[in-house]
């Protein structure tokens, strides 16, 4: 009978369409999973770089503060050395000057 044959043909076509769209849903789902994984990977990389930057920034700040303290101390020591050198030069100049009679 023609009605049964037509129904079976339509059922077969509908099952093929269903299978086609099930495959498409799985493909799109896989693409969504890949995109989500790429996004998480980028977030992880961004977080890693932010952590490296934070550590480097803190190290720079610590070193800059230590440098400022050391620089002040070195400048004070250089002034003291310059004063001592000037006194030594003054004493040597007085010693090498001819004695007055």
C-alpha atoms as a PDB file:
ATOM      1  CA  UNK A   1       0.000   0.000   0.000  1.00  0.00           C
ATOM      2  CA  UNK A   2       0.976   3.423  -0.973  1.00  0.00           C
ATOM      3  CA  UNK A   3       0.214   5.213   2.322  1.00  0.00           C
ATOM      4  CA  UNK A   4       2.426   2.862   4.307  1.00  0.00           C
ATOM      5  CA  UNK A   5       5.209   3.157   1.753  1.00  0.00           C
ATOM      6  CA  UNK A   6       4.949   6.947   1.814  1.00  0.00           C
ATOM      7  CA  UNK A   7       4.974   6.994   5.621  1.00  0.00           C
ATOM      8  CA  UNK A   8       7.999   4.699   5.750  1.00  0.00           C
ATOM      9  CA  UNK A   9       9.816   6.897   3.218  1.00  0.00           C
ATOM     10  CA  UNK A  10       8.989  10.029   5.219  1.00  0.00           C
ATOM     11  CA  UNK A  11      10.074   8.322   8.457  1.00  0.00           C
ATOM     12  CA  UNK A  12      13.380   7.324   6.844  1.00  0.00           C
ATOM     13  CA  UNK A  13      13.950  10.879   5.600  1.00  0.00           C
ATOM     14  CA  UNK A  14      13.105  12.303   9.004  1.00  0.00           C
ATOM     15  CA  UNK A  15      15.518   9.895  10.702  1.00  0.00           C
ATOM     16  CA  UNK A  16      18.278  10.947   8.294  1.00  0.00           C
ATOM     17  CA  UNK A  17      17.575  14.622   9.063  1.00  0.00           C
ATOM     18  CA  UNK A  18      17.560  13.861  12.778  1.00  0.00           C
ATOM     19  CA  UNK A  19      20.916  12.069  12.486  1.00  0.00           C
ATOM     20  CA  UNK A  20      22.336  14.953  10.419  1.00  0.00           C
ATOM     21  CA  UNK A  21      21.308  17.520  13.050  1.00  0.00           C
ATOM     22  CA  UNK A  22      22.537  15.346  15.913  1.00  0.00           C
ATOM     23  CA  UNK A  23      25.953  15.288  14.226  1.00  0.00           C
ATOM     24  CA  UNK A  24      25.810  19.077  13.740  1.00  0.00           C
ATOM     25  CA  UNK A  25      24.930  19.558  17.442  1.00  0.00           C
ATOM     26  CA  UNK A  26      27.911  17.413  18.469  1.00  0.00           C
ATOM     27  CA  UNK A  27      30.233  19.332  16.097  1.00  0.00           C
ATOM     28  CA  UNK A  28      29.063  22.694  17.432  1.00  0.00           C
ATOM     29  CA  UNK A  29      29.365  21.411  20.999  1.00  0.00           C
ATOM     30  CA  UNK A  30      32.956  20.291  20.285  1.00  0.00           C
ATOM     31  CA  UNK A  31      33.772  23.706  18.809  1.00  0.00           C
ATOM     32  CA  UNK A  32      32.299  25.370  21.893  1.00  0.00           C
ATOM     33  CA  UNK A  33      34.426  23.122  24.128  1.00  0.00           C
ATOM     34  CA  UNK A  34      37.554  23.966  22.116  1.00  0.00           C
ATOM     35  CA  UNK A  35      36.790  27.689  22.342  1.00  0.00           C
ATOM     36  CA  UNK A  36      36.211  27.427  26.095  1.00  0.00           C
ATOM     37  CA  UNK A  37      39.498  25.537  26.514  1.00  0.00           C
ATOM     38  CA  UNK A  38      41.339  28.185  24.485  1.00  0.00           C
ATOM     39  CA  UNK A  39      39.748  30.895  26.609  1.00  0.00           C
ATOM     40  CA  UNK A  40      40.786  29.164  29.843  1.00  0.00           C
ATOM     41  CA  UNK A  41      44.301  28.715  28.465  1.00  0.00           C
ATOM     42  CA  UNK A  42      44.491  32.425  27.597  1.00  0.00           C
ATOM     43  CA  UNK A  43      43.193  33.326  31.070  1.00  0.00           C
ATOM     44  CA  UNK A  44      45.829  31.105  32.647  1.00  0.00           C
ATOM     45  CA  UNK A  45      48.563  32.669  30.533  1.00  0.00           C
ATOM     46  CA  UNK A  46      47.272  36.160  31.370  1.00  0.00           C
ATOM     47  CA  UNK A  47      47.243  35.307  35.087  1.00  0.00           C
ATOM     48  CA  UNK A  48      50.759  33.895  34.860  1.00  0.00           C
ATOM     49  CA  UNK A  49      52.037  37.040  33.145  1.00  0.00           C
ATOM     50  CA  UNK A  50      50.242  39.226  35.686  1.00  0.00           C
ATOM     51  CA  UNK A  51      51.936  37.274  38.479  1.00  0.00           C
ATOM     52  CA  UNK A  52      55.343  37.649  36.851  1.00  0.00           C
ATOM     53  CA  UNK A  53      54.722  41.373  36.416  1.00  0.00           C
ATOM     54  CA  UNK A  54      53.653  41.739  40.055  1.00  0.00           C
ATOM     55  CA  UNK A  55      56.764  39.935  41.289  1.00  0.00           C
ATOM     56  CA  UNK A  56      59.017  42.018  39.019  1.00  0.00           C
ATOM     57  CA  UNK A  57      57.315  45.255  40.093  1.00  0.00           C
ATOM     58  CA  UNK A  58      57.725  44.381  43.797  1.00  0.00           C
ATOM     59  CA  UNK A  59      61.388  43.457  43.257  1.00  0.00           C
ATOM     60  CA  UNK A  60      61.970  46.760  41.460  1.00  0.00           C
ATOM     61  CA  UNK A  61      60.313  48.727  44.252  1.00  0.00           C
ATOM     62  CA  UNK A  62      62.375  46.900  46.896  1.00  0.00           C
ATOM     63  CA  UNK A  63      65.616  47.414  44.966  1.00  0.00           C
ATOM     64  CA  UNK A  64      64.829  51.079  44.280  1.00  0.00           C
ATOM     65  CA  UNK A  65      64.223  51.716  47.984  1.00  0.00           C
ATOM     66  CA  UNK A  66      67.457  49.917  48.929  1.00  0.00           C
ATOM     67  CA  UNK A  67      69.342  51.858  46.243  1.00  0.00           C
ATOM     68  CA  UNK A  68      68.058  55.178  47.602  1.00  0.00           C
ATOM     69  CA  UNK A  69      69.255  54.269  51.115  1.00  0.00           C
ATOM     70  CA  UNK A  70      72.637  53.050  49.831  1.00  0.00           C
ATOM     71  CA  UNK A  71      73.061  56.112  47.626  1.00  0.00           C
ATOM     72  CA  UNK A  72      72.520  58.455  50.566  1.00  0.00           C
ATOM     73  CA  UNK A  73      75.021  56.512  52.649  1.00  0.00           C
ATOM     74  CA  UNK A  74      77.605  56.502  49.837  1.00  0.00           C
ATOM     75  CA  UNK A  75      77.208  60.253  49.306  1.00  0.00           C
ATOM     76  CA  UNK A  76      77.809  60.858  53.016  1.00  0.00           C
ATOM     77  CA  UNK A  77      80.879  58.607  52.939  1.00  0.00           C
ATOM     78  CA  UNK A  78      82.219  60.372  49.829  1.00  0.00           C
ATOM     79  CA  UNK A  79      81.862  63.756  51.548  1.00  0.00           C
ATOM     80  CA  UNK A  80      83.741  62.410  54.576  1.00  0.00           C
ATOM     81  CA  UNK A  81      86.492  60.971  52.360  1.00  0.00           C
ATOM     82  CA  UNK A  82      86.745  64.274  50.490  1.00  0.00           C
ATOM     83  CA  UNK A  83      87.074  66.147  53.792  1.00  0.00           C
ATOM     84  CA  UNK A  84      89.773  63.753  55.023  1.00  0.00           C
ATOM     85  CA  UNK A  85      91.599  64.004  51.675  1.00  0.00           C
ATOM     86  CA  UNK A  86      91.482  67.806  51.850  1.00  0.00           C
ATOM     87  CA  UNK A  87      92.913  67.750  55.410  1.00  0.00           C
ATOM     88  CA  UNK A  88      95.670  65.344  54.363  1.00  0.00           C
ATOM     89  CA  UNK A  89      96.537  67.581  51.415  1.00  0.00           C
ATOM     90  CA  UNK A  90      96.576  70.592  53.752  1.00  0.00           C
ATOM     91  CA  UNK A  91      98.894  68.841  56.225  1.00  0.00           C
ATOM     92  CA  UNK A  92     101.182  67.619  53.443  1.00  0.00           C
ATOM     93  CA  UNK A  93     101.278  71.099  51.999  1.00  0.00           C
ATOM     94  CA  UNK A  94     102.236  72.514  55.391  1.00  0.00           C
ATOM     95  CA  UNK A  95     104.938  69.883  55.865  1.00  0.00           C
ATOM     96  CA  UNK A  96     106.500  70.463  52.479  1.00  0.00           C
ATOM     97  CA  UNK A  97     106.476  74.241  52.809  1.00  0.00           C
ATOM     98  CA  UNK A  98     109.915  75.733  53.559  1.00  0.00           C
ATOM     99  CA  UNK A  99     110.446  76.486  57.234  1.00  0.00           C
ATOM    100  CA  UNK A 100     110.554  80.135  58.176  1.00  0.00           C
ATOM    101  CA  UNK A 101     113.736  81.331  59.849  1.00  0.00           C
END
